[in-house]
C-alpha atoms as a PDB file:
ATOM      1  CA  UNK A   1      -7.862 -33.341  48.768  1.00  0.00           C
ATOM      2  CA  UNK A   2      -4.078 -33.334  48.863  1.00  0.00           C
ATOM      3  CA  UNK A   3      -2.614 -30.335  47.020  1.00  0.00           C
ATOM      4  CA  UNK A   4       0.716 -30.700  45.249  1.00  0.00           C
ATOM      5  CA  UNK A   5       2.911 -28.076  43.596  1.00  0.00           C
ATOM      6  CA  UNK A   6       4.680 -28.639  40.261  1.00  0.00           C
ATOM      7  CA  UNK A   7       6.555 -26.445  37.834  1.00  0.00           C
ATOM      8  CA  UNK A   8       4.691 -28.079  34.926  1.00  0.00           C
ATOM      9  CA  UNK A   9       1.410 -29.950  34.664  1.00  0.00           C
ATOM     10  CA  UNK A  10       1.015 -31.797  31.347  1.00  0.00           C
ATOM     11  CA  UNK A  11      -2.579 -32.620  30.462  1.00  0.00           C
ATOM     12  CA  UNK A  12      -2.695 -35.681  28.214  1.00  0.00           C
ATOM     13  CA  UNK A  13      -0.663 -38.889  28.399  1.00  0.00           C
ATOM     14  CA  UNK A  14      -0.432 -39.630  24.688  1.00  0.00           C
ATOM     15  CA  UNK A  15       2.848 -39.755  22.744  1.00  0.00           C
ATOM     16  CA  UNK A  16       3.241 -35.959  22.680  1.00  0.00           C
ATOM     17  CA  UNK A  17       2.335 -35.573  26.342  1.00  0.00           C
ATOM     18  CA  UNK A  18       4.939 -38.223  27.184  1.00  0.00           C
ATOM     19  CA  UNK A  19       7.450 -36.437  24.935  1.00  0.00           C
ATOM     20  CA  UNK A  20       6.859 -33.265  26.973  1.00  0.00           C
ATOM     21  CA  UNK A  21       7.445 -35.269  30.154  1.00  0.00           C
ATOM     22  CA  UNK A  22      10.692 -36.669  28.782  1.00  0.00           C
ATOM     23  CA  UNK A  23      11.957 -33.204  27.845  1.00  0.00           C
ATOM     24  CA  UNK A  24      10.944 -31.777  31.230  1.00  0.00           C
ATOM     25  CA  UNK A  25      12.831 -34.554  33.020  1.00  0.00           C
ATOM     26  CA  UNK A  26      15.935 -33.994  30.865  1.00  0.00           C
ATOM     27  CA  UNK A  27      15.787 -30.297  31.748  1.00  0.00           C
ATOM     28  CA  UNK A  28      15.551 -31.059  35.458  1.00  0.00           C
ATOM     29  CA  UNK A  29      12.089 -29.527  35.801  1.00  0.00           C
ATOM     30  CA  UNK A  30       9.520 -31.063  38.116  1.00  0.00           C
ATOM     31  CA  UNK A  31       6.401 -32.102  36.219  1.00  0.00           C
ATOM     32  CA  UNK A  32       3.361 -34.344  36.289  1.00  0.00           C
ATOM     33  CA  UNK A  33       1.504 -35.920  33.346  1.00  0.00           C
ATOM     34  CA  UNK A  34      -2.242 -36.315  33.909  1.00  0.00           C
ATOM     35  CA  UNK A  35      -4.155 -38.757  31.683  1.00  0.00           C
ATOM     36  CA  UNK A  36      -7.891 -39.394  31.981  1.00  0.00           C
ATOM     37  CA  UNK A  37      -7.589 -42.950  30.614  1.00  0.00           C
ATOM     38  CA  UNK A  38      -4.888 -45.542  30.064  1.00  0.00           C
ATOM     39  CA  UNK A  39      -1.359 -44.729  28.929  1.00  0.00           C
ATOM     40  CA  UNK A  40      -1.508 -43.422  25.322  1.00  0.00           C
ATOM     41  CA  UNK A  41      -5.271 -43.824  25.610  1.00  0.00           C
ATOM     42  CA  UNK A  42      -6.057 -42.848  22.015  1.00  0.00           C
ATOM     43  CA  UNK A  43      -3.675 -45.473  20.622  1.00  0.00           C
ATOM     44  CA  UNK A  44      -5.191 -48.045  22.957  1.00  0.00           C
ATOM     45  CA  UNK A  45      -8.607 -47.310  21.436  1.00  0.00           C
ATOM     46  CA  UNK A  46      -7.365 -47.780  17.874  1.00  0.00           C
ATOM     47  CA  UNK A  47      -8.493 -50.963  16.082  1.00  0.00           C
ATOM     48  CA  UNK A  48      -6.662 -54.011  17.440  1.00  0.00           C
ATOM     49  CA  UNK A  49      -5.114 -54.946  14.078  1.00  0.00           C
ATOM     50  CA  UNK A  50      -4.209 -51.399  13.009  1.00  0.00           C
ATOM     51  CA  UNK A  51      -0.937 -50.695  11.192  1.00  0.00           C
ATOM     52  CA  UNK A  52       0.481 -47.162  11.264  1.00  0.00           C
ATOM     53  CA  UNK A  53       1.049 -45.158   8.117  1.00  0.00           C
ATOM     54  CA  UNK A  54       4.306 -43.813   9.580  1.00  0.00           C
ATOM     55  CA  UNK A  55       7.503 -45.806   9.971  1.00  0.00           C
ATOM     56  CA  UNK A  56       8.653 -46.614  13.502  1.00  0.00           C
ATOM     57  CA  UNK A  57      11.403 -43.977  13.652  1.00  0.00           C
ATOM     58  CA  UNK A  58       8.816 -41.266  13.000  1.00  0.00           C
ATOM     59  CA  UNK A  59       6.891 -42.344  16.089  1.00  0.00           C
ATOM     60  CA  UNK A  60       9.910 -42.106  18.378  1.00  0.00           C
ATOM     61  CA  UNK A  61       9.946 -39.677  21.301  1.00  0.00           C
ATOM     62  CA  UNK A  62      12.829 -38.372  23.373  1.00  0.00           C
ATOM     63  CA  UNK A  63      15.399 -39.935  21.059  1.00  0.00           C
ATOM     64  CA  UNK A  64      14.441 -43.429  22.282  1.00  0.00           C
ATOM     65  CA  UNK A  65      14.745 -45.962  19.410  1.00  0.00           C
ATOM     66  CA  UNK A  66      11.529 -47.675  18.306  1.00  0.00           C
ATOM     67  CA  UNK A  67      12.365 -51.042  16.760  1.00  0.00           C
ATOM     68  CA  UNK A  68       9.565 -52.691  14.787  1.00  0.00           C
ATOM     69  CA  UNK A  69       9.372 -56.109  13.128  1.00  0.00           C
ATOM     70  CA  UNK A  70       7.944 -54.488   9.999  1.00  0.00           C
ATOM     71  CA  UNK A  71       8.399 -51.335   7.961  1.00  0.00           C
ATOM     72  CA  UNK A  72       5.100 -50.048   9.375  1.00  0.00           C
ATOM     73  CA  UNK A  73       4.651 -50.686  13.105  1.00  0.00           C
ATOM     74  CA  UNK A  74       1.443 -52.099  14.561  1.00  0.00           C
ATOM     75  CA  UNK A  75      -0.734 -50.772  17.363  1.00  0.00           C
ATOM     76  CA  UNK A  76       0.564 -53.511  19.676  1.00  0.00           C
ATOM     77  CA  UNK A  77       4.182 -52.530  18.973  1.00  0.00           C
ATOM     78  CA  UNK A  78       3.418 -48.855  19.587  1.00  0.00           C
ATOM     79  CA  UNK A  79       1.736 -49.603  22.922  1.00  0.00           C
ATOM     80  CA  UNK A  80       4.768 -51.647  23.955  1.00  0.00           C
ATOM     81  CA  UNK A  81       7.155 -48.884  22.872  1.00  0.00           C
ATOM     82  CA  UNK A  82       5.452 -46.060  24.773  1.00  0.00           C
ATOM     83  CA  UNK A  83       4.987 -48.268  27.822  1.00  0.00           C
ATOM     84  CA  UNK A  84       8.696 -49.181  27.870  1.00  0.00           C
ATOM     85  CA  UNK A  85       9.705 -45.544  27.324  1.00  0.00           C
ATOM     86  CA  UNK A  86       7.595 -44.568  30.334  1.00  0.00           C
ATOM     87  CA  UNK A  87       9.114 -47.305  32.495  1.00  0.00           C
ATOM     88  CA  UNK A  88      12.720 -46.788  31.370  1.00  0.00           C
ATOM     89  CA  UNK A  89      12.644 -43.072  32.179  1.00  0.00           C
ATOM     90  CA  UNK A  90      10.369 -43.426  35.211  1.00  0.00           C
ATOM     91  CA  UNK A  91       8.055 -40.739  33.933  1.00  0.00           C
ATOM     92  CA  UNK A  92       5.738 -39.177  36.515  1.00  0.00           C
ATOM     93  CA  UNK A  93       2.340 -40.123  35.072  1.00  0.00           C
ATOM     94  CA  UNK A  94      -1.037 -40.368  36.791  1.00  0.00           C
ATOM     95  CA  UNK A  95      -3.490 -42.502  34.801  1.00  0.00           C
ATOM     96  CA  UNK A  96      -7.292 -42.568  34.945  1.00  0.00           C
ATOM     97  CA  UNK A  97      -7.266 -39.085  36.455  1.00  0.00           C
ATOM     98  CA  UNK A  98      -9.343 -36.611  34.462  1.00  0.00           C
ATOM     99  CA  UNK A  99      -8.693 -32.876  34.666  1.00  0.00           C
ATOM    100  CA  UNK A 100     -11.963 -31.123  35.475  1.00  0.00           C
ATOM    101  CA  UNK A 101     -10.932 -27.481  35.848  1.00  0.00           C
ATOM    102  CA  UNK A 102      -7.885 -25.271  35.414  1.00  0.00           C
ATOM    103  CA  UNK A 103      -8.033 -21.805  36.982  1.00  0.00           C
ATOM    104  CA  UNK A 104      -5.598 -18.961  37.585  1.00  0.00           C
ATOM    105  CA  UNK A 105      -4.400 -18.754  41.163  1.00  0.00           C
ATOM    106  CA  UNK A 106      -1.848 -16.949  43.288  1.00  0.00           C
ATOM    107  CA  UNK A 107       0.551 -19.848  42.689  1.00  0.00           C
ATOM    108  CA  UNK A 108       0.049 -19.825  38.920  1.00  0.00           C
ATOM    109  CA  UNK A 109      -2.714 -22.331  38.178  1.00  0.00           C
ATOM    110  CA  UNK A 110      -4.921 -24.616  40.217  1.00  0.00           C
ATOM    111  CA  UNK A 111      -5.736 -27.916  38.530  1.00  0.00           C
ATOM    112  CA  UNK A 112      -8.634 -29.915  39.952  1.00  0.00           C
ATOM    113  CA  UNK A 113      -8.980 -33.534  38.836  1.00  0.00           C
ATOM    114  CA  UNK A 114     -11.282 -36.419  39.633  1.00  0.00           C
ATOM    115  CA  UNK A 115      -8.780 -37.575  42.250  1.00  0.00           C
ATOM    116  CA  UNK A 116      -6.841 -34.602  43.588  1.00  0.00           C
ATOM    117  CA  UNK A 117      -5.856 -30.945  43.301  1.00  0.00           C
ATOM    118  CA  UNK A 118      -2.550 -29.464  42.124  1.00  0.00           C
ATOM    119  CA  UNK A 119      -0.898 -26.123  41.555  1.00  0.00           C
ATOM    120  CA  UNK A 120       1.540 -25.407  38.742  1.00  0.00           C
ATOM    121  CA  UNK A 121       3.410 -22.483  37.238  1.00  0.00           C
ATOM    122  CA  UNK A 122       3.055 -23.806  33.683  1.00  0.00           C
ATOM    123  CA  UNK A 123       0.413 -25.866  31.868  1.00  0.00           C
ATOM    124  CA  UNK A 124       0.976 -27.929  28.706  1.00  0.00           C
ATOM    125  CA  UNK A 125      -2.189 -29.171  26.996  1.00  0.00           C
ATOM    126  CA  UNK A 126      -1.574 -32.239  24.804  1.00  0.00           C
ATOM    127  CA  UNK A 127      -5.057 -33.710  24.707  1.00  0.00           C
ATOM    128  CA  UNK A 128      -5.354 -34.908  21.094  1.00  0.00           C
ATOM    129  CA  UNK A 129      -8.706 -35.278  19.362  1.00  0.00           C
ATOM    130  CA  UNK A 130      -9.972 -38.850  19.733  1.00  0.00           C
ATOM    131  CA  UNK A 131     -12.534 -38.284  22.476  1.00  0.00           C
ATOM    132  CA  UNK A 132     -15.508 -36.604  20.810  1.00  0.00           C
ATOM    133  CA  UNK A 133     -16.918 -38.310  17.698  1.00  0.00           C
ATOM    134  CA  UNK A 134     -18.778 -36.388  15.021  1.00  0.00           C
ATOM    135  CA  UNK A 135     -22.377 -37.481  15.379  1.00  0.00           C
ATOM    136  CA  UNK A 136     -24.596 -38.459  12.470  1.00  0.00           C
ATOM    137  CA  UNK A 137     -27.528 -36.646  14.079  1.00  0.00           C
ATOM    138  CA  UNK A 138     -30.071 -39.088  12.664  1.00  0.00           C
ATOM    139  CA  UNK A 139     -32.957 -40.922  14.351  1.00  0.00           C
ATOM    140  CA  UNK A 140     -31.766 -44.111  16.039  1.00  0.00           C
ATOM    141  CA  UNK A 141     -28.144 -43.077  16.533  1.00  0.00           C
ATOM    142  CA  UNK A 142     -28.548 -43.678  20.265  1.00  0.00           C
ATOM    143  CA  UNK A 143     -29.349 -47.388  19.748  1.00  0.00           C
ATOM    144  CA  UNK A 144     -26.877 -49.934  21.227  1.00  0.00           C
ATOM    145  CA  UNK A 145     -26.213 -51.297  17.735  1.00  0.00           C
ATOM    146  CA  UNK A 146     -24.421 -48.053  16.782  1.00  0.00           C
ATOM    147  CA  UNK A 147     -20.755 -47.388  17.603  1.00  0.00           C
ATOM    148  CA  UNK A 148     -18.323 -44.611  16.704  1.00  0.00           C
ATOM    149  CA  UNK A 149     -15.328 -46.742  17.723  1.00  0.00           C
ATOM    150  CA  UNK A 150     -14.207 -49.939  16.002  1.00  0.00           C
ATOM    151  CA  UNK A 151     -11.940 -52.395  17.840  1.00  0.00           C
ATOM    152  CA  UNK A 152     -11.828 -55.801  16.146  1.00  0.00           C
ATOM    153  CA  UNK A 153     -13.759 -57.807  13.528  1.00  0.00           C
ATOM    154  CA  UNK A 154     -14.731 -61.133  15.110  1.00  0.00           C
ATOM    155  CA  UNK A 155     -17.712 -59.632  16.942  1.00  0.00           C
ATOM    156  CA  UNK A 156     -19.336 -58.849  13.564  1.00  0.00           C
ATOM    157  CA  UNK A 157     -18.923 -62.301  11.985  1.00  0.00           C
ATOM    158  CA  UNK A 158     -21.962 -63.367   9.923  1.00  0.00           C
ATOM    159  CA  UNK A 159     -23.783 -60.091  10.690  1.00  0.00           C
ATOM    160  CA  UNK A 160     -25.179 -57.365   8.432  1.00  0.00           C
ATOM    161  CA  UNK A 161     -22.828 -54.449   9.031  1.00  0.00           C
ATOM    162  CA  UNK A 162     -23.171 -50.880   7.788  1.00  0.00           C
ATOM    163  CA  UNK A 163     -19.977 -48.794   7.779  1.00  0.00           C
ATOM    164  CA  UNK A 164     -20.314 -45.019   7.461  1.00  0.00           C
ATOM    165  CA  UNK A 165     -17.297 -43.162   6.078  1.00  0.00           C
ATOM    166  CA  UNK A 166     -14.605 -43.465   3.416  1.00  0.00           C
ATOM    167  CA  UNK A 167     -11.302 -42.822   5.166  1.00  0.00           C
ATOM    168  CA  UNK A 168      -8.790 -45.103   6.907  1.00  0.00           C
ATOM    169  CA  UNK A 169     -10.856 -46.143   9.926  1.00  0.00           C
ATOM    170  CA  UNK A 170     -13.957 -46.845   7.830  1.00  0.00           C
ATOM    171  CA  UNK A 171     -12.022 -48.781   5.196  1.00  0.00           C
ATOM    172  CA  UNK A 172     -10.226 -50.891   7.832  1.00  0.00           C
ATOM    173  CA  UNK A 173     -13.541 -51.709   9.535  1.00  0.00           C
ATOM    174  CA  UNK A 174     -15.187 -52.642   6.236  1.00  0.00           C
ATOM    175  CA  UNK A 175     -12.374 -54.886   5.017  1.00  0.00           C
ATOM    176  CA  UNK A 176     -11.716 -56.603   8.347  1.00  0.00           C
ATOM    177  CA  UNK A 177     -15.362 -57.372   9.139  1.00  0.00           C
ATOM    178  CA  UNK A 178     -15.954 -58.593   5.560  1.00  0.00           C
ATOM    179  CA  UNK A 179     -12.994 -60.955   5.858  1.00  0.00           C
ATOM    180  CA  UNK A 180     -14.527 -62.403   9.030  1.00  0.00           C
ATOM    181  CA  UNK A 181     -17.761 -63.205   7.243  1.00  0.00           C
ATOM    182  CA  UNK A 182     -19.842 -60.069   7.699  1.00  0.00           C
ATOM    183  CA  UNK A 183     -22.163 -58.792   4.978  1.00  0.00           C
ATOM    184  CA  UNK A 184     -20.772 -55.273   4.627  1.00  0.00           C
ATOM    185  CA  UNK A 185     -22.385 -52.167   3.177  1.00  0.00           C
ATOM    186  CA  UNK A 186     -20.650 -48.781   3.079  1.00  0.00           C
ATOM    187  CA  UNK A 187     -22.368 -45.396   2.998  1.00  0.00           C
ATOM    188  CA  UNK A 188     -20.065 -42.708   1.611  1.00  0.00           C
ATOM    189  CA  UNK A 189     -20.969 -39.028   1.388  1.00  0.00           C
ATOM    190  CA  UNK A 190     -18.517 -38.326  -1.434  1.00  0.00           C
ATOM    191  CA  UNK A 191     -18.034 -39.836  -4.859  1.00  0.00           C
ATOM    192  CA  UNK A 192     -15.092 -42.117  -4.002  1.00  0.00           C
ATOM    193  CA  UNK A 193     -12.945 -43.693  -1.307  1.00  0.00           C
ATOM    194  CA  UNK A 194     -10.913 -41.056   0.565  1.00  0.00           C
ATOM    195  CA  UNK A 195      -7.649 -39.916  -0.983  1.00  0.00           C
ATOM    196  CA  UNK A 196      -5.820 -40.168   2.365  1.00  0.00           C
ATOM    197  CA  UNK A 197      -6.513 -43.894   2.747  1.00  0.00           C
ATOM    198  CA  UNK A 198      -3.248 -45.826   3.176  1.00  0.00           C
ATOM    199  CA  UNK A 199      -1.784 -46.471  -0.247  1.00  0.00           C
ATOM    200  CA  UNK A 200      -1.457 -50.221   0.285  1.00  0.00           C
ATOM    201  CA  UNK A 201      -5.081 -50.516   1.462  1.00  0.00           C
ATOM    202  CA  UNK A 202      -6.910 -48.298  -1.035  1.00  0.00           C
ATOM    203  CA  UNK A 203      -6.652 -50.716  -4.025  1.00  0.00           C
ATOM    204  CA  UNK A 204      -7.991 -53.519  -1.807  1.00  0.00           C
ATOM    205  CA  UNK A 205     -11.201 -51.698  -0.856  1.00  0.00           C
ATOM    206  CA  UNK A 206     -11.698 -50.360  -4.391  1.00  0.00           C
ATOM    207  CA  UNK A 207     -11.400 -53.883  -5.812  1.00  0.00           C
ATOM    208  CA  UNK A 208     -13.779 -55.364  -3.219  1.00  0.00           C
ATOM    209  CA  UNK A 209     -16.371 -52.732  -4.098  1.00  0.00           C
ATOM    210  CA  UNK A 210     -15.928 -53.146  -7.853  1.00  0.00           C
ATOM    211  CA  UNK A 211     -16.332 -56.922  -7.658  1.00  0.00           C
ATOM    212  CA  UNK A 212     -19.423 -56.553  -5.466  1.00  0.00           C
ATOM    213  CA  UNK A 213     -18.027 -58.252  -2.360  1.00  0.00           C
ATOM    214  CA  UNK A 214     -18.666 -55.051  -0.409  1.00  0.00           C
ATOM    215  CA  UNK A 215     -21.653 -52.940  -1.379  1.00  0.00           C
ATOM    216  CA  UNK A 216     -21.008 -49.186  -1.422  1.00  0.00           C
ATOM    217  CA  UNK A 217     -23.431 -46.298  -1.851  1.00  0.00           C
ATOM    218  CA  UNK A 218     -21.575 -43.162  -2.967  1.00  0.00           C
ATOM    219  CA  UNK A 219     -22.926 -39.607  -2.764  1.00  0.00           C
ATOM    220  CA  UNK A 220     -25.237 -40.996  -0.111  1.00  0.00           C
ATOM    221  CA  UNK A 221     -26.175 -40.493   3.550  1.00  0.00           C
ATOM    222  CA  UNK A 222     -27.530 -42.632   6.346  1.00  0.00           C
ATOM    223  CA  UNK A 223     -30.790 -40.938   7.385  1.00  0.00           C
ATOM    224  CA  UNK A 224     -32.414 -43.301   9.917  1.00  0.00           C
ATOM    225  CA  UNK A 225     -31.480 -46.304  12.068  1.00  0.00           C
ATOM    226  CA  UNK A 226     -33.857 -48.882  13.506  1.00  0.00           C
ATOM    227  CA  UNK A 227     -33.391 -52.156  15.367  1.00  0.00           C
ATOM    228  CA  UNK A 228     -33.289 -54.364  12.262  1.00  0.00           C
ATOM    229  CA  UNK A 229     -32.888 -51.965   9.328  1.00  0.00           C
ATOM    230  CA  UNK A 230     -31.570 -48.592   8.173  1.00  0.00           C
ATOM    231  CA  UNK A 231     -32.628 -45.960   5.662  1.00  0.00           C
ATOM    232  CA  UNK A 232     -30.100 -44.569   3.180  1.00  0.00           C
ATOM    233  CA  UNK A 233     -30.613 -41.515   0.978  1.00  0.00           C
ATOM    234  CA  UNK A 234     -28.982 -42.290  -2.372  1.00  0.00           C
ATOM    235  CA  UNK A 235     -28.855 -40.332  -5.640  1.00  0.00           C
ATOM    236  CA  UNK A 236     -31.665 -42.620  -6.842  1.00  0.00           C
ATOM    237  CA  UNK A 237     -33.843 -42.010  -3.793  1.00  0.00           C
ATOM    238  CA  UNK A 238     -34.336 -43.466  -0.332  1.00  0.00           C
ATOM    239  CA  UNK A 239     -33.676 -47.171   0.190  1.00  0.00           C
ATOM    240  CA  UNK A 240     -34.137 -49.432   3.220  1.00  0.00           C
ATOM    241  CA  UNK A 241     -31.847 -52.388   3.938  1.00  0.00           C
ATOM    242  CA  UNK A 242     -31.675 -55.010   6.682  1.00  0.00           C
ATOM    243  CA  UNK A 243     -29.022 -54.293   9.288  1.00  0.00           C
ATOM    244  CA  UNK A 244     -27.598 -55.642  12.558  1.00  0.00           C
ATOM    245  CA  UNK A 245     -24.826 -53.170  13.378  1.00  0.00           C
ATOM    246  CA  UNK A 246     -23.750 -49.651  12.377  1.00  0.00           C
ATOM    247  CA  UNK A 247     -20.071 -48.655  12.590  1.00  0.00           C
ATOM    248  CA  UNK A 248     -20.016 -44.873  12.145  1.00  0.00           C
ATOM    249  CA  UNK A 249     -16.446 -43.890  11.326  1.00  0.00           C
ATOM    250  CA  UNK A 250     -17.271 -40.213  10.905  1.00  0.00           C
ATOM    251  CA  UNK A 251     -14.164 -38.802  12.564  1.00  0.00           C
ATOM    252  CA  UNK A 252     -13.399 -37.111  15.854  1.00  0.00           C
ATOM    253  CA  UNK A 253     -12.827 -33.622  17.185  1.00  0.00           C
ATOM    254  CA  UNK A 254     -10.723 -32.021  19.929  1.00  0.00           C
ATOM    255  CA  UNK A 255     -12.273 -30.741  23.144  1.00  0.00           C
ATOM    256  CA  UNK A 256     -12.120 -27.059  22.249  1.00  0.00           C
ATOM    257  CA  UNK A 257     -14.578 -26.128  25.004  1.00  0.00           C
ATOM    258  CA  UNK A 258     -11.875 -27.051  27.509  1.00  0.00           C
ATOM    259  CA  UNK A 259      -9.564 -24.492  25.889  1.00  0.00           C
ATOM    260  CA  UNK A 260     -12.277 -21.818  25.825  1.00  0.00           C
ATOM    261  CA  UNK A 261     -12.955 -22.270  29.539  1.00  0.00           C
ATOM    262  CA  UNK A 262      -9.284 -21.556  30.204  1.00  0.00           C
ATOM    263  CA  UNK A 263      -9.492 -18.317  28.210  1.00  0.00           C
ATOM    264  CA  UNK A 264      -7.605 -19.572  25.164  1.00  0.00           C
ATOM    265  CA  UNK A 265      -8.778 -17.748  22.049  1.00  0.00           C
ATOM    266  CA  UNK A 266      -9.839 -19.610  18.892  1.00  0.00           C
ATOM    267  CA  UNK A 267      -9.929 -18.356  15.308  1.00  0.00           C
ATOM    268  CA  UNK A 268     -13.289 -17.035  14.103  1.00  0.00           C
ATOM    269  CA  UNK A 269     -13.764 -19.592  11.350  1.00  0.00           C
ATOM    270  CA  UNK A 270     -14.701 -23.245  10.962  1.00  0.00           C
ATOM    271  CA  UNK A 271     -11.153 -24.400  11.800  1.00  0.00           C
ATOM    272  CA  UNK A 272     -11.298 -22.800  15.280  1.00  0.00           C
ATOM    273  CA  UNK A 273      -7.508 -22.895  15.506  1.00  0.00           C
ATOM    274  CA  UNK A 274      -6.239 -21.927  18.965  1.00  0.00           C
ATOM    275  CA  UNK A 275      -4.173 -18.753  19.240  1.00  0.00           C
ATOM    276  CA  UNK A 276      -0.550 -19.499  20.125  1.00  0.00           C
ATOM    277  CA  UNK A 277       2.995 -18.370  19.342  1.00  0.00           C
ATOM    278  CA  UNK A 278       4.305 -20.477  16.447  1.00  0.00           C
ATOM    279  CA  UNK A 279       7.825 -20.493  17.931  1.00  0.00           C
ATOM    280  CA  UNK A 280       7.106 -21.234  21.592  1.00  0.00           C
ATOM    281  CA  UNK A 281       3.579 -22.777  21.396  1.00  0.00           C
ATOM    282  CA  UNK A 282       2.460 -20.491  24.227  1.00  0.00           C
ATOM    283  CA  UNK A 283      -1.188 -19.475  23.985  1.00  0.00           C
ATOM    284  CA  UNK A 284      -2.673 -16.044  24.615  1.00  0.00           C
ATOM    285  CA  UNK A 285      -2.926 -17.184  28.250  1.00  0.00           C
ATOM    286  CA  UNK A 286       0.535 -16.647  29.710  1.00  0.00           C
ATOM    287  CA  UNK A 287       2.336 -19.872  30.727  1.00  0.00           C
ATOM    288  CA  UNK A 288      -0.245 -22.113  29.044  1.00  0.00           C
ATOM    289  CA  UNK A 289       1.164 -24.063  26.091  1.00  0.00           C
ATOM    290  CA  UNK A 290      -0.305 -26.383  23.452  1.00  0.00           C
ATOM    291  CA  UNK A 291       1.419 -29.491  22.057  1.00  0.00           C
ATOM    292  CA  UNK A 292       0.406 -31.957  19.380  1.00  0.00           C
ATOM    293  CA  UNK A 293      -2.713 -32.184  17.267  1.00  0.00           C
ATOM    294  CA  UNK A 294      -4.704 -29.811  19.512  1.00  0.00           C
ATOM    295  CA  UNK A 295      -2.691 -26.997  17.886  1.00  0.00           C
ATOM    296  CA  UNK A 296      -4.586 -27.504  14.630  1.00  0.00           C
ATOM    297  CA  UNK A 297      -8.078 -26.947  16.002  1.00  0.00           C
ATOM    298  CA  UNK A 298     -10.571 -28.767  13.799  1.00  0.00           C
ATOM    299  CA  UNK A 299      -7.843 -29.480  11.202  1.00  0.00           C
ATOM    300  CA  UNK A 300      -7.035 -32.737  12.967  1.00  0.00           C
ATOM    301  CA  UNK A 301      -5.377 -34.314   9.913  1.00  0.00           C
ATOM    302  CA  UNK A 302      -2.621 -31.682   9.725  1.00  0.00           C
ATOM    303  CA  UNK A 303      -0.579 -32.756  12.736  1.00  0.00           C
ATOM    304  CA  UNK A 304       0.742 -36.208  13.638  1.00  0.00           C
ATOM    305  CA  UNK A 305       3.204 -37.666  16.129  1.00  0.00           C
ATOM    306  CA  UNK A 306       6.021 -37.308  13.618  1.00  0.00           C
ATOM    307  CA  UNK A 307       5.588 -33.561  13.041  1.00  0.00           C
ATOM    308  CA  UNK A 308       4.516 -32.702  16.610  1.00  0.00           C
ATOM    309  CA  UNK A 309       7.470 -34.128  18.542  1.00  0.00           C
ATOM    310  CA  UNK A 310       9.343 -30.842  18.124  1.00  0.00           C
ATOM    311  CA  UNK A 311       6.620 -29.076  20.115  1.00  0.00           C
ATOM    312  CA  UNK A 312       7.880 -30.715  23.308  1.00  0.00           C
ATOM    313  CA  UNK A 313      11.450 -29.527  22.757  1.00  0.00           C
ATOM    314  CA  UNK A 314      10.437 -25.934  22.017  1.00  0.00           C
ATOM    315  CA  UNK A 315       7.986 -25.683  24.921  1.00  0.00           C
ATOM    316  CA  UNK A 316      10.383 -27.071  27.517  1.00  0.00           C
ATOM    317  CA  UNK A 317      13.222 -24.873  26.216  1.00  0.00           C
ATOM    318  CA  UNK A 318      10.968 -21.831  26.681  1.00  0.00           C
ATOM    319  CA  UNK A 319       9.925 -22.858  30.198  1.00  0.00           C
ATOM    320  CA  UNK A 320      13.519 -23.665  31.182  1.00  0.00           C
ATOM    321  CA  UNK A 321      14.673 -20.161  30.223  1.00  0.00           C
ATOM    322  CA  UNK A 322      12.019 -18.668  32.483  1.00  0.00           C
ATOM    323  CA  UNK A 323      12.816 -21.026  35.327  1.00  0.00           C
ATOM    324  CA  UNK A 324      16.603 -20.657  35.419  1.00  0.00           C
END
């Protein structure tokens, strides 16, 4: 394998990883962004018709204007924006190249990927949290009819669809599939639709449930999945309903094992927040930095593009001081 030397290797080609690349280029530092999937892979895997909660200016990186046709930009507009930003600044990005190991070496770090091997003095991890879904851990979850990712509604037209969850992704899946003719049932662990659901969407789902267009079981859990039916534990006891597809929007978690293998310490609680300097974002492993939502550990709802962009500026400023 060809071995290449860089000052900075950035792991993750999402918006924050690209922001780190932009800042590194501005600072005149040689860098490489490694992304295991497509450019801004997590955004690509969002539902096709998704609209962001944030306004377009809050999704901007590197001071590059993001012009949207609406107050809230769409997934398609965001993909176009980050693609154009990458092209305009000729960012050094390798796509579909997964990082397998990062180890200390005489030259700083050795990074082995599915395609090559690199050395770097500094590592920035900006891997997000969209890769590992929370599993239901119920019989039948492995069936082909079950998915933890929802893309678009037409596939589910005229089918019996069960949606698990009560937050934005679950609500979007329920409303969109219902509007394409699906018979939709929701299973919700809590007593109501999630409080963080987009304010312009929440009344819609509440009204559809109240009028009976979408059936919802609150304080309930999906306990078994079979080819043509599912079992739901409700406050009134177990029920069985006919079913064609299960969309389990149970949330996602960051790959914290990857951090552990690099020697990065995590807090000894359920949050498992990585240890890092709040000013520089450097971890307990010297010259290894964290950027974006990975900084929050299991608190994935605390950090977004809009409040993580500053990470790139602070990290690159720290590295630049050490390099000059």
